[in-house]
Amino acid sequence: MSTKEERERIELLQGTLDLLILRTLLFGPAHGHAIVKSIEQNSADVLQVEQGSLYPALHRLIKRGWITFAEGASENNRRAKYYRLTARGREQLHVETTKWDKLAGAIARILRPAEEKIE
């Protein structure tokens, strides 16, 4: 990756990775590498998730009961853990999405106060 591409990537706010993982798993079980690739692809490669961030987040979500996992074989026939959303995780995804929308709206109002007055 070039230096320019590295500068264009955005670091995730605390807790945002949890939300993105929950959202990714809404579509079905996935192993860690697939979760990372989905987040990167769906963000047009703006967001990059490092393994040093992913696996602690997955463990945190398991501990909270929002996701679970089962062992299986990956596409290239290697052992992998497949993570899936639990019922509690689905509920939490809704809670976290609502909080994110509220936060994003508040930040947008601060960054673009004139646009809000025009509307």
PDB file of N, CA and C in Angstrom:
ATOM      1  N   MET A   1       0.844  -1.172   0.000  1.00  0.00           N
ATOM      2  CA  MET A   1       0.000   0.000   0.000  1.00  0.00           C
ATOM      3  C   MET A   1       0.892   1.239   0.000  1.00  0.00           C
ATOM      4  N   SER A   2       0.526   2.233  -0.760  1.00  0.00           N
ATOM      5  CA  SER A   2       1.331   3.443  -0.846  1.00  0.00           C
ATOM      6  C   SER A   2       1.127   4.321   0.381  1.00  0.00           C
ATOM      7  N   THR A   3       2.013   5.283   0.568  1.00  0.00           N
ATOM      8  CA  THR A   3       1.920   6.200   1.692  1.00  0.00           C
ATOM      9  C   THR A   3       0.633   7.008   1.629  1.00  0.00           C
ATOM     10  N   LYS A   4       0.234   7.429   0.429  1.00  0.00           N
ATOM     11  CA  LYS A   4      -0.997   8.195   0.283  1.00  0.00           C
ATOM     12  C   LYS A   4      -2.191   7.369   0.748  1.00  0.00           C
ATOM     13  N   GLU A   5      -2.244   6.098   0.354  1.00  0.00           N
ATOM     14  CA  GLU A   5      -3.345   5.236   0.774  1.00  0.00           C
ATOM     15  C   GLU A   5      -3.354   5.064   2.283  1.00  0.00           C
ATOM     16  N   GLU A   6      -2.194   4.951   2.889  1.00  0.00           N
ATOM     17  CA  GLU A   6      -2.114   4.825   4.338  1.00  0.00           C
ATOM     18  C   GLU A   6      -2.659   6.068   5.021  1.00  0.00           C
ATOM     19  N   ARG A   7      -2.374   7.254   4.483  1.00  0.00           N
ATOM     20  CA  ARG A   7      -2.870   8.498   5.080  1.00  0.00           C
ATOM     21  C   ARG A   7      -4.376   8.618   4.943  1.00  0.00           C
ATOM     22  N   GLU A   8      -4.954   8.017   3.896  1.00  0.00           N
ATOM     23  CA  GLU A   8      -6.384   8.134   3.663  1.00  0.00           C
ATOM     24  C   GLU A   8      -7.204   7.183   4.530  1.00  0.00           C
ATOM     25  N   ARG A   9      -6.570   6.208   5.115  1.00  0.00           N
ATOM     26  CA  ARG A   9      -7.296   5.289   5.999  1.00  0.00           C
ATOM     27  C   ARG A   9      -7.658   6.020   7.284  1.00  0.00           C
ATOM     28  N   ILE A  10      -8.739   5.596   7.883  1.00  0.00           N
ATOM     29  CA  ILE A  10      -9.253   6.248   9.080  1.00  0.00           C
ATOM     30  C   ILE A  10      -9.178   5.275  10.249  1.00  0.00           C
ATOM     31  N   GLU A  11      -8.654   5.745  11.376  1.00  0.00           N
ATOM     32  CA  GLU A  11      -8.626   4.908  12.563  1.00  0.00           C
ATOM     33  C   GLU A  11     -10.029   4.862  13.160  1.00  0.00           C
ATOM     34  N   LEU A  12     -10.407   3.688  13.649  1.00  0.00           N
ATOM     35  CA  LEU A  12     -11.738   3.507  14.204  1.00  0.00           C
ATOM     36  C   LEU A  12     -11.825   4.055  15.617  1.00  0.00           C
ATOM     37  N   LEU A  13     -12.954   4.669  15.940  1.00  0.00           N
ATOM     38  CA  LEU A  13     -13.202   5.107  17.295  1.00  0.00           C
ATOM     39  C   LEU A  13     -13.393   3.893  18.191  1.00  0.00           C
ATOM     40  N   GLN A  14     -13.103   4.054  19.468  1.00  0.00           N
ATOM     41  CA  GLN A  14     -13.304   2.977  20.439  1.00  0.00           C
ATOM     42  C   GLN A  14     -14.748   2.473  20.337  1.00  0.00           C
ATOM     43  N   GLY A  15     -14.927   1.180  20.254  1.00  0.00           N
ATOM     44  CA  GLY A  15     -16.266   0.600  20.188  1.00  0.00           C
ATOM     45  C   GLY A  15     -16.818   0.457  18.782  1.00  0.00           C
ATOM     46  N   THR A  16     -16.263   1.194  17.836  1.00  0.00           N
ATOM     47  CA  THR A  16     -16.766   1.131  16.468  1.00  0.00           C
ATOM     48  C   THR A  16     -16.500  -0.229  15.839  1.00  0.00           C
ATOM     49  N   LEU A  17     -15.375  -0.813  16.141  1.00  0.00           N
ATOM     50  CA  LEU A  17     -15.047  -2.120  15.591  1.00  0.00           C
ATOM     51  C   LEU A  17     -16.070  -3.156  16.038  1.00  0.00           C
ATOM     52  N   ASP A  18     -16.484  -3.093  17.298  1.00  0.00           N
ATOM     53  CA  ASP A  18     -17.503  -4.025  17.786  1.00  0.00           C
ATOM     54  C   ASP A  18     -18.770  -3.911  16.940  1.00  0.00           C
ATOM     55  N   LEU A  19     -19.194  -2.697  16.685  1.00  0.00           N
ATOM     56  CA  LEU A  19     -20.386  -2.452  15.874  1.00  0.00           C
ATOM     57  C   LEU A  19     -20.215  -3.023  14.465  1.00  0.00           C
ATOM     58  N   LEU A  20     -19.060  -2.804  13.864  1.00  0.00           N
ATOM     59  CA  LEU A  20     -18.819  -3.288  12.507  1.00  0.00           C
ATOM     60  C   LEU A  20     -18.774  -4.815  12.451  1.00  0.00           C
ATOM     61  N   ILE A  21     -18.226  -5.440  13.471  1.00  0.00           N
ATOM     62  CA  ILE A  21     -18.205  -6.904  13.520  1.00  0.00           C
ATOM     63  C   ILE A  21     -19.623  -7.434  13.649  1.00  0.00           C
ATOM     64  N   LEU A  22     -20.405  -6.859  14.559  1.00  0.00           N
ATOM     65  CA  LEU A  22     -21.798  -7.297  14.719  1.00  0.00           C
ATOM     66  C   LEU A  22     -22.557  -7.156  13.409  1.00  0.00           C
ATOM     67  N   ARG A  23     -22.384  -6.035  12.736  1.00  0.00           N
ATOM     68  CA  ARG A  23     -23.068  -5.793  11.463  1.00  0.00           C
ATOM     69  C   ARG A  23     -22.632  -6.802  10.400  1.00  0.00           C
ATOM     70  N   THR A  24     -21.352  -7.089  10.355  1.00  0.00           N
ATOM     71  CA  THR A  24     -20.832  -8.054   9.380  1.00  0.00           C
ATOM     72  C   THR A  24     -21.429  -9.430   9.624  1.00  0.00           C
ATOM     73  N   LEU A  25     -21.541  -9.824  10.882  1.00  0.00           N
ATOM     74  CA  LEU A  25     -22.058 -11.154  11.209  1.00  0.00           C
ATOM     75  C   LEU A  25     -23.576 -11.257  11.065  1.00  0.00           C
ATOM     76  N   LEU A  26     -24.235 -10.136  10.859  1.00  0.00           N
ATOM     77  CA  LEU A  26     -25.680 -10.151  10.622  1.00  0.00           C
ATOM     78  C   LEU A  26     -26.009 -10.972   9.376  1.00  0.00           C
ATOM     79  N   PHE A  27     -25.085 -11.025   8.433  1.00  0.00           N
ATOM     80  CA  PHE A  27     -25.303 -11.729   7.173  1.00  0.00           C
ATOM     81  C   PHE A  27     -24.957 -13.205   7.245  1.00  0.00           C
ATOM     82  N   GLY A  28     -24.448 -13.662   8.387  1.00  0.00           N
ATOM     83  CA  GLY A  28     -24.136 -15.071   8.558  1.00  0.00           C
ATOM     84  C   GLY A  28     -22.780 -15.274   9.181  1.00  0.00           C
ATOM     85  N   PRO A  29     -22.493 -16.510   9.590  1.00  0.00           N
ATOM     86  CA  PRO A  29     -21.214 -16.811  10.234  1.00  0.00           C
ATOM     87  C   PRO A  29     -20.028 -16.505   9.319  1.00  0.00           C
ATOM     88  N   ALA A  30     -18.918 -16.120   9.940  1.00  0.00           N
ATOM     89  CA  ALA A  30     -17.704 -15.818   9.175  1.00  0.00           C
ATOM     90  C   ALA A  30     -16.488 -16.032  10.069  1.00  0.00           C
ATOM     91  N   HIS A  31     -15.379 -16.385   9.452  1.00  0.00           N
ATOM     92  CA  HIS A  31     -14.126 -16.493  10.205  1.00  0.00           C
ATOM     93  C   HIS A  31     -13.457 -15.124  10.219  1.00  0.00           C
ATOM     94  N   GLY A  32     -12.432 -14.994  11.054  1.00  0.00           N
ATOM     95  CA  GLY A  32     -11.789 -13.700  11.267  1.00  0.00           C
ATOM     96  C   GLY A  32     -11.338 -13.007   9.999  1.00  0.00           C
ATOM     97  N   HIS A  33     -10.665 -13.743   9.127  1.00  0.00           N
ATOM     98  CA  HIS A  33     -10.166 -13.141   7.885  1.00  0.00           C
ATOM     99  C   HIS A  33     -11.322 -12.621   7.026  1.00  0.00           C
ATOM    100  N   ALA A  34     -12.411 -13.355   6.972  1.00  0.00           N
ATOM    101  CA  ALA A  34     -13.570 -12.930   6.180  1.00  0.00           C
ATOM    102  C   ALA A  34     -14.208 -11.679   6.774  1.00  0.00           C
ATOM    103  N   ILE A  35     -14.219 -11.575   8.097  1.00  0.00           N
ATOM    104  CA  ILE A  35     -14.764 -10.383   8.752  1.00  0.00           C
ATOM    105  C   ILE A  35     -13.934  -9.165   8.365  1.00  0.00           C
ATOM    106  N   VAL A  36     -12.611  -9.300   8.448  1.00  0.00           N
ATOM    107  CA  VAL A  36     -11.710  -8.206   8.085  1.00  0.00           C
ATOM    108  C   VAL A  36     -11.926  -7.790   6.635  1.00  0.00           C
ATOM    109  N   LYS A  37     -11.949  -8.758   5.734  1.00  0.00           N
ATOM    110  CA  LYS A  37     -12.103  -8.453   4.306  1.00  0.00           C
ATOM    111  C   LYS A  37     -13.445  -7.787   4.037  1.00  0.00           C
ATOM    112  N   SER A  38     -14.498  -8.221   4.699  1.00  0.00           N
ATOM    113  CA  SER A  38     -15.816  -7.618   4.506  1.00  0.00           C
ATOM    114  C   SER A  38     -15.820  -6.155   4.937  1.00  0.00           C
ATOM    115  N   ILE A  39     -15.238  -5.876   6.098  1.00  0.00           N
ATOM    116  CA  ILE A  39     -15.181  -4.490   6.577  1.00  0.00           C
ATOM    117  C   ILE A  39     -14.359  -3.629   5.625  1.00  0.00           C
ATOM    118  N   GLU A  40     -13.228  -4.142   5.184  1.00  0.00           N
ATOM    119  CA  GLU A  40     -12.386  -3.379   4.260  1.00  0.00           C
ATOM    120  C   GLU A  40     -13.101  -3.132   2.932  1.00  0.00           C
ATOM    121  N   GLN A  41     -13.689  -4.170   2.362  1.00  0.00           N
ATOM    122  CA  GLN A  41     -14.363  -4.029   1.069  1.00  0.00           C
ATOM    123  C   GLN A  41     -15.574  -3.111   1.161  1.00  0.00           C
ATOM    124  N   ASN A  42     -16.377  -3.266   2.215  1.00  0.00           N
ATOM    125  CA  ASN A  42     -17.585  -2.454   2.351  1.00  0.00           C
ATOM    126  C   ASN A  42     -17.292  -1.003   2.698  1.00  0.00           C
ATOM    127  N   SER A  43     -16.072  -0.719   3.130  1.00  0.00           N
ATOM    128  CA  SER A  43     -15.682   0.670   3.395  1.00  0.00           C
ATOM    129  C   SER A  43     -14.859   1.235   2.246  1.00  0.00           C
ATOM    130  N   ALA A  44     -14.841   0.541   1.121  1.00  0.00           N
ATOM    131  CA  ALA A  44     -14.030   0.944  -0.034  1.00  0.00           C
ATOM    132  C   ALA A  44     -12.561   1.061   0.371  1.00  0.00           C
ATOM    133  N   ASP A  45     -12.114   0.154   1.220  1.00  0.00           N
ATOM    134  CA  ASP A  45     -10.734   0.089   1.712  1.00  0.00           C
ATOM    135  C   ASP A  45     -10.300   1.305   2.522  1.00  0.00           C
ATOM    136  N   VAL A  46     -11.247   2.060   3.045  1.00  0.00           N
ATOM    137  CA  VAL A  46     -10.896   3.181   3.917  1.00  0.00           C
ATOM    138  C   VAL A  46     -10.577   2.661   5.311  1.00  0.00           C
ATOM    139  N   LEU A  47     -11.332   1.668   5.765  1.00  0.00           N
ATOM    140  CA  LEU A  47     -11.110   1.095   7.089  1.00  0.00           C
ATOM    141  C   LEU A  47     -10.271  -0.166   6.968  1.00  0.00           C
ATOM    142  N   GLN A  48      -9.252  -0.248   7.792  1.00  0.00           N
ATOM    143  CA  GLN A  48      -8.401  -1.424   7.815  1.00  0.00           C
ATOM    144  C   GLN A  48      -8.388  -1.948   9.241  1.00  0.00           C
ATOM    145  N   VAL A  49      -8.658  -3.231   9.391  1.00  0.00           N
ATOM    146  CA  VAL A  49      -8.706  -3.851  10.705  1.00  0.00           C
ATOM    147  C   VAL A  49      -7.473  -4.731  10.871  1.00  0.00           C
ATOM    148  N   GLU A  50      -6.687  -4.422  11.863  1.00  0.00           N
ATOM    149  CA  GLU A  50      -5.493  -5.203  12.151  1.00  0.00           C
ATOM    150  C   GLU A  50      -5.869  -6.393  13.023  1.00  0.00           C
ATOM    151  N   GLN A  51      -5.149  -7.499  12.871  1.00  0.00           N
ATOM    152  CA  GLN A  51      -5.428  -8.679  13.686  1.00  0.00           C
ATOM    153  C   GLN A  51      -5.283  -8.375  15.168  1.00  0.00           C
ATOM    154  N   GLY A  52      -4.379  -7.471  15.506  1.00  0.00           N
ATOM    155  CA  GLY A  52      -4.180  -7.081  16.899  1.00  0.00           C
ATOM    156  C   GLY A  52      -5.376  -6.360  17.486  1.00  0.00           C
ATOM    157  N   SER A  53      -6.266  -5.880  16.652  1.00  0.00           N
ATOM    158  CA  SER A  53      -7.512  -5.260  17.102  1.00  0.00           C
ATOM    159  C   SER A  53      -8.684  -6.227  16.969  1.00  0.00           C
ATOM    160  N   LEU A  54      -8.678  -7.022  15.905  1.00  0.00           N
ATOM    161  CA  LEU A  54      -9.808  -7.909  15.620  1.00  0.00           C
ATOM    162  C   LEU A  54     -10.016  -8.952  16.707  1.00  0.00           C
ATOM    163  N   TYR A  55      -8.986  -9.703  17.032  1.00  0.00           N
ATOM    164  CA  TYR A  55      -9.170 -10.832  17.937  1.00  0.00           C
ATOM    165  C   TYR A  55      -9.516 -10.410  19.363  1.00  0.00           C
ATOM    166  N   PRO A  56      -8.938  -9.341  19.912  1.00  0.00           N
ATOM    167  CA  PRO A  56      -9.430  -8.873  21.216  1.00  0.00           C
ATOM    168  C   PRO A  56     -10.909  -8.452  21.155  1.00  0.00           C
ATOM    169  N   ALA A  57     -11.319  -7.839  20.034  1.00  0.00           N
ATOM    170  CA  ALA A  57     -12.728  -7.445  19.887  1.00  0.00           C
ATOM    171  C   ALA A  57     -13.623  -8.680  19.832  1.00  0.00           C
ATOM    172  N   LEU A  58     -13.206  -9.700  19.083  1.00  0.00           N
ATOM    173  CA  LEU A  58     -14.005 -10.933  19.010  1.00  0.00           C
ATOM    174  C   LEU A  58     -14.127 -11.575  20.385  1.00  0.00           C
ATOM    175  N   HIS A  59     -13.044 -11.622  21.140  1.00  0.00           N
ATOM    176  CA  HIS A  59     -13.087 -12.200  22.492  1.00  0.00           C
ATOM    177  C   HIS A  59     -14.003 -11.386  23.401  1.00  0.00           C
ATOM    178  N   ARG A  60     -13.961 -10.074  23.271  1.00  0.00           N
ATOM    179  CA  ARG A  60     -14.829  -9.195  24.063  1.00  0.00           C
ATOM    180  C   ARG A  60     -16.296  -9.462  23.744  1.00  0.00           C
ATOM    181  N   LEU A  61     -16.606  -9.616  22.463  1.00  0.00           N
ATOM    182  CA  LEU A  61     -17.992  -9.863  22.043  1.00  0.00           C
ATOM    183  C   LEU A  61     -18.472 -11.236  22.503  1.00  0.00           C
ATOM    184  N   ILE A  62     -17.586 -12.218  22.489  1.00  0.00           N
ATOM    185  CA  ILE A  62     -17.933 -13.556  23.000  1.00  0.00           C
ATOM    186  C   ILE A  62     -18.232 -13.464  24.494  1.00  0.00           C
ATOM    187  N   LYS A  63     -17.368 -12.779  25.226  1.00  0.00           N
ATOM    188  CA  LYS A  63     -17.535 -12.642  26.671  1.00  0.00           C
ATOM    189  C   LYS A  63     -18.865 -11.970  27.018  1.00  0.00           C
ATOM    190  N   ARG A  64     -19.302 -11.029  26.198  1.00  0.00           N
ATOM    191  CA  ARG A  64     -20.571 -10.334  26.430  1.00  0.00           C
ATOM    192  C   ARG A  64     -21.784 -11.155  25.978  1.00  0.00           C
ATOM    193  N   GLY A  65     -21.511 -12.256  25.280  1.00  0.00           N
ATOM    194  CA  GLY A  65     -22.610 -13.097  24.814  1.00  0.00           C
ATOM    195  C   GLY A  65     -23.268 -12.602  23.535  1.00  0.00           C
ATOM    196  N   TRP A  66     -22.586 -11.697  22.830  1.00  0.00           N
ATOM    197  CA  TRP A  66     -23.156 -11.128  21.603  1.00  0.00           C
ATOM    198  C   TRP A  66     -22.823 -11.957  20.376  1.00  0.00           C
ATOM    199  N   ILE A  67     -21.739 -12.713  20.453  1.00  0.00           N
ATOM    200  CA  ILE A  67     -21.394 -13.638  19.374  1.00  0.00           C
ATOM    201  C   ILE A  67     -20.955 -14.964  19.997  1.00  0.00           C
ATOM    202  N   THR A  68     -20.943 -15.984  19.189  1.00  0.00           N
ATOM    203  CA  THR A  68     -20.430 -17.287  19.587  1.00  0.00           C
ATOM    204  C   THR A  68     -19.606 -17.807  18.416  1.00  0.00           C
ATOM    205  N   PHE A  69     -18.995 -18.971  18.582  1.00  0.00           N
ATOM    206  CA  PHE A  69     -18.195 -19.507  17.488  1.00  0.00           C
ATOM    207  C   PHE A  69     -18.263 -21.018  17.464  1.00  0.00           C
ATOM    208  N   ALA A  70     -17.949 -21.556  16.306  1.00  0.00           N
ATOM    209  CA  ALA A  70     -17.821 -23.004  16.113  1.00  0.00           C
ATOM    210  C   ALA A  70     -16.575 -23.230  15.268  1.00  0.00           C
ATOM    211  N   GLU A  71     -15.905 -24.321  15.521  1.00  0.00           N
ATOM    212  CA  GLU A  71     -14.719 -24.664  14.732  1.00  0.00           C
ATOM    213  C   GLU A  71     -15.151 -25.262  13.403  1.00  0.00           C
ATOM    214  N   GLY A  72     -14.382 -24.973  12.370  1.00  0.00           N
ATOM    215  CA  GLY A  72     -14.672 -25.510  11.048  1.00  0.00           C
ATOM    216  C   GLY A  72     -13.456 -25.391  10.161  1.00  0.00           C
ATOM    217  N   ALA A  73     -13.651 -25.680   8.896  1.00  0.00           N
ATOM    218  CA  ALA A  73     -12.575 -25.569   7.921  1.00  0.00           C
ATOM    219  C   ALA A  73     -12.824 -24.358   7.034  1.00  0.00           C
ATOM    220  N   SER A  74     -11.760 -23.609   6.767  1.00  0.00           N
ATOM    221  CA  SER A  74     -11.866 -22.433   5.902  1.00  0.00           C
ATOM    222  C   SER A  74     -11.913 -22.864   4.437  1.00  0.00           C
ATOM    223  N   GLU A  75     -12.008 -21.881   3.545  1.00  0.00           N
ATOM    224  CA  GLU A  75     -12.070 -22.145   2.110  1.00  0.00           C
ATOM    225  C   GLU A  75     -10.842 -22.914   1.614  1.00  0.00           C
ATOM    226  N   ASN A  76      -9.711 -22.669   2.251  1.00  0.00           N
ATOM    227  CA  ASN A  76      -8.481 -23.361   1.841  1.00  0.00           C
ATOM    228  C   ASN A  76      -8.182 -24.569   2.754  1.00  0.00           C
ATOM    229  N   ASN A  77      -9.240 -25.080   3.379  1.00  0.00           N
ATOM    230  CA  ASN A  77      -9.191 -26.316   4.169  1.00  0.00           C
ATOM    231  C   ASN A  77      -8.301 -26.218   5.415  1.00  0.00           C
ATOM    232  N   ARG A  78      -8.213 -25.034   5.997  1.00  0.00           N
ATOM    233  CA  ARG A  78      -7.467 -24.853   7.242  1.00  0.00           C
ATOM    234  C   ARG A  78      -8.460 -24.712   8.394  1.00  0.00           C
ATOM    235  N   ARG A  79      -8.017 -25.068   9.587  1.00  0.00           N
ATOM    236  CA  ARG A  79      -8.885 -24.909  10.752  1.00  0.00           C
ATOM    237  C   ARG A  79      -9.189 -23.436  10.971  1.00  0.00           C
ATOM    238  N   ALA A  80     -10.444 -23.148  11.276  1.00  0.00           N
ATOM    239  CA  ALA A  80     -10.841 -21.768  11.517  1.00  0.00           C
ATOM    240  C   ALA A  80     -12.010 -21.738  12.490  1.00  0.00           C
ATOM    241  N   LYS A  81     -12.121 -20.629  13.205  1.00  0.00           N
ATOM    242  CA  LYS A  81     -13.289 -20.397  14.049  1.00  0.00           C
ATOM    243  C   LYS A  81     -14.270 -19.566  13.241  1.00  0.00           C
ATOM    244  N   TYR A  82     -15.497 -20.033  13.188  1.00  0.00           N
ATOM    245  CA  TYR A  82     -16.561 -19.294  12.515  1.00  0.00           C
ATOM    246  C   TYR A  82     -17.412 -18.622  13.583  1.00  0.00           C
ATOM    247  N   TYR A  83     -17.443 -17.305  13.525  1.00  0.00           N
ATOM    248  CA  TYR A  83     -18.173 -16.511  14.505  1.00  0.00           C
ATOM    249  C   TYR A  83     -19.575 -16.235  13.977  1.00  0.00           C
ATOM    250  N   ARG A  84     -20.549 -16.237  14.889  1.00  0.00           N
ATOM    251  CA  ARG A  84     -21.914 -15.919  14.487  1.00  0.00           C
ATOM    252  C   ARG A  84     -22.584 -15.082  15.557  1.00  0.00           C
ATOM    253  N   LEU A  85     -23.529 -14.293  15.126  1.00  0.00           N
ATOM    254  CA  LEU A  85     -24.294 -13.411  15.987  1.00  0.00           C
ATOM    255  C   LEU A  85     -25.277 -14.228  16.823  1.00  0.00           C
ATOM    256  N   THR A  86     -25.421 -13.878  18.093  1.00  0.00           N
ATOM    257  CA  THR A  86     -26.433 -14.500  18.942  1.00  0.00           C
ATOM    258  C   THR A  86     -27.674 -13.606  18.947  1.00  0.00           C
ATOM    259  N   ALA A  87     -28.751 -14.079  19.559  1.00  0.00           N
ATOM    260  CA  ALA A  87     -29.962 -13.262  19.677  1.00  0.00           C
ATOM    261  C   ALA A  87     -29.645 -11.981  20.455  1.00  0.00           C
ATOM    262  N   ARG A  88     -28.851 -12.111  21.522  1.00  0.00           N
ATOM    263  CA  ARG A  88     -28.443 -10.925  22.287  1.00  0.00           C
ATOM    264  C   ARG A  88     -27.596  -9.989  21.431  1.00  0.00           C
ATOM    265  N   GLY A  89     -26.785 -10.562  20.554  1.00  0.00           N
ATOM    266  CA  GLY A  89     -25.965  -9.764  19.653  1.00  0.00           C
ATOM    267  C   GLY A  89     -26.809  -8.978  18.660  1.00  0.00           C
ATOM    268  N   ARG A  90     -27.874  -9.600  18.176  1.00  0.00           N
ATOM    269  CA  ARG A  90     -28.791  -8.892  17.258  1.00  0.00           C
ATOM    270  C   ARG A  90     -29.431  -7.697  17.958  1.00  0.00           C
ATOM    271  N   GLU A  91     -29.843  -7.913  19.190  1.00  0.00           N
ATOM    272  CA  GLU A  91     -30.434  -6.817  19.971  1.00  0.00           C
ATOM    273  C   GLU A  91     -29.408  -5.720  20.194  1.00  0.00           C
ATOM    274  N   GLN A  92     -28.185  -6.115  20.531  1.00  0.00           N
ATOM    275  CA  GLN A  92     -27.135  -5.137  20.780  1.00  0.00           C
ATOM    276  C   GLN A  92     -26.756  -4.392  19.509  1.00  0.00           C
ATOM    277  N   LEU A  93     -26.802  -5.057  18.387  1.00  0.00           N
ATOM    278  CA  LEU A  93     -26.532  -4.385  17.115  1.00  0.00           C
ATOM    279  C   LEU A  93     -27.508  -3.233  16.917  1.00  0.00           C
ATOM    280  N   HIS A  94     -28.762  -3.465  17.226  1.00  0.00           N
ATOM    281  CA  HIS A  94     -29.772  -2.395  17.105  1.00  0.00           C
ATOM    282  C   HIS A  94     -29.434  -1.246  18.067  1.00  0.00           C
ATOM    283  N   VAL A  95     -29.096  -1.576  19.310  1.00  0.00           N
ATOM    284  CA  VAL A  95     -28.739  -0.554  20.307  1.00  0.00           C
ATOM    285  C   VAL A  95     -27.526   0.249  19.840  1.00  0.00           C
ATOM    286  N   GLU A  96     -26.484  -0.454  19.408  1.00  0.00           N
ATOM    287  CA  GLU A  96     -25.251   0.209  18.994  1.00  0.00           C
ATOM    288  C   GLU A  96     -25.451   1.045  17.725  1.00  0.00           C
ATOM    289  N   THR A  97     -26.269   0.556  16.805  1.00  0.00           N
ATOM    290  CA  THR A  97     -26.550   1.319  15.577  1.00  0.00           C
ATOM    291  C   THR A  97     -27.287   2.610  15.916  1.00  0.00           C
ATOM    292  N   THR A  98     -28.237   2.525  16.831  1.00  0.00           N
ATOM    293  CA  THR A  98     -28.970   3.719  17.266  1.00  0.00           C
ATOM    294  C   THR A  98     -28.029   4.727  17.909  1.00  0.00           C
ATOM    295  N   LYS A  99     -27.124   4.237  18.772  1.00  0.00           N
ATOM    296  CA  LYS A  99     -26.157   5.130  19.408  1.00  0.00           C
ATOM    297  C   LYS A  99     -25.225   5.755  18.372  1.00  0.00           C
ATOM    298  N   TRP A 100     -24.798   4.953  17.391  1.00  0.00           N
ATOM    299  CA  TRP A 100     -23.909   5.467  16.344  1.00  0.00           C
ATOM    300  C   TRP A 100     -24.606   6.555  15.539  1.00  0.00           C
ATOM    301  N   ASP A 101     -25.852   6.314  15.156  1.00  0.00           N
ATOM    302  CA  ASP A 101     -26.612   7.300  14.384  1.00  0.00           C
ATOM    303  C   ASP A 101     -26.755   8.613  15.155  1.00  0.00           C
ATOM    304  N   LYS A 102     -26.994   8.512  16.446  1.00  0.00           N
ATOM    305  CA  LYS A 102     -27.132   9.703  17.288  1.00  0.00           C
ATOM    306  C   LYS A 102     -25.803  10.457  17.354  1.00  0.00           C
ATOM    307  N   LEU A 103     -24.698   9.723  17.555  1.00  0.00           N
ATOM    308  CA  LEU A 103     -23.372  10.334  17.612  1.00  0.00           C
ATOM    309  C   LEU A 103     -23.004  10.990  16.286  1.00  0.00           C
ATOM    310  N   ALA A 104     -23.223  10.263  15.181  1.00  0.00           N
ATOM    311  CA  ALA A 104     -22.891  10.802  13.853  1.00  0.00           C
ATOM    312  C   ALA A 104     -23.705  12.060  13.558  1.00  0.00           C
ATOM    313  N   GLY A 105     -24.965  12.053  13.940  1.00  0.00           N
ATOM    314  CA  GLY A 105     -25.810  13.233  13.734  1.00  0.00           C
ATOM    315  C   GLY A 105     -25.321  14.422  14.533  1.00  0.00           C
ATOM    316  N   ALA A 106     -24.933  14.187  15.788  1.00  0.00           N
ATOM    317  CA  ALA A 106     -24.437  15.273  16.634  1.00  0.00           C
ATOM    318  C   ALA A 106     -23.141  15.856  16.073  1.00  0.00           C
ATOM    319  N   ILE A 107     -22.241  14.987  15.636  1.00  0.00           N
ATOM    320  CA  ILE A 107     -20.984  15.457  15.055  1.00  0.00           C
ATOM    321  C   ILE A 107     -21.244  16.236  13.771  1.00  0.00           C
ATOM    322  N   ALA A 108     -22.154  15.739  12.947  1.00  0.00           N
ATOM    323  CA  ALA A 108     -22.487  16.438  11.699  1.00  0.00           C
ATOM    324  C   ALA A 108     -23.057  17.825  11.984  1.00  0.00           C
ATOM    325  N   ARG A 109     -23.880  17.948  13.026  1.00  0.00           N
ATOM    326  CA  ARG A 109     -24.451  19.260  13.362  1.00  0.00           C
ATOM    327  C   ARG A 109     -23.363  20.231  13.796  1.00  0.00           C
ATOM    328  N   ILE A 110     -22.331  19.726  14.457  1.00  0.00           N
ATOM    329  CA  ILE A 110     -21.229  20.590  14.886  1.00  0.00           C
ATOM    330  C   ILE A 110     -20.352  20.961  13.698  1.00  0.00           C
ATOM    331  N   LEU A 111     -20.053  20.012  12.830  1.00  0.00           N
ATOM    332  CA  LEU A 111     -19.170  20.264  11.698  1.00  0.00           C
ATOM    333  C   LEU A 111     -19.827  21.083  10.598  1.00  0.00           C
ATOM    334  N   ARG A 112     -21.115  20.942  10.448  1.00  0.00           N
ATOM    335  CA  ARG A 112     -21.826  21.622   9.360  1.00  0.00           C
ATOM    336  C   ARG A 112     -23.077  22.347   9.865  1.00  0.00           C
ATOM    337  N   PRO A 113     -22.906  23.289  10.760  1.00  0.00           N
ATOM    338  CA  PRO A 113     -24.085  23.974  11.337  1.00  0.00           C
ATOM    339  C   PRO A 113     -24.873  24.762  10.292  1.00  0.00           C
ATOM    340  N   ALA A 114     -24.213  25.324   9.290  1.00  0.00           N
ATOM    341  CA  ALA A 114     -24.905  26.128   8.284  1.00  0.00           C
ATOM    342  C   ALA A 114     -25.828  25.255   7.440  1.00  0.00           C
ATOM    343  N   GLU A 115     -25.421  24.047   7.116  1.00  0.00           N
ATOM    344  CA  GLU A 115     -26.250  23.154   6.292  1.00  0.00           C
ATOM    345  C   GLU A 115     -27.551  22.818   7.004  1.00  0.00           C
ATOM    346  N   GLU A 116     -27.510  22.673   8.323  1.00  0.00           N
ATOM    347  CA  GLU A 116     -28.711  22.349   9.067  1.00  0.00           C
ATOM    348  C   GLU A 116     -29.707  23.516   9.036  1.00  0.00           C
ATOM    349  N   LYS A 117     -29.195  24.752   9.101  1.00  0.00           N
ATOM    350  CA  LYS A 117     -30.065  25.929   9.081  1.00  0.00           C
ATOM    351  C   LYS A 117     -30.725  26.116   7.720  1.00  0.00           C
ATOM    352  N   ILE A 118     -30.054  25.714   6.649  1.00  0.00           N
ATOM    353  CA  ILE A 118     -30.578  25.848   5.300  1.00  0.00           C
ATOM    354  C   ILE A 118     -31.768  24.917   5.086  1.00  0.00           C
ATOM    355  N   GLU A 119     -31.687  23.721   5.635  1.00  0.00           N
ATOM    356  CA  GLU A 119     -32.734  22.721   5.437  1.00  0.00           C
ATOM    357  C   GLU A 119     -34.012  23.093   6.046  1.00  0.00           C
TER     358      GLU A 119
END
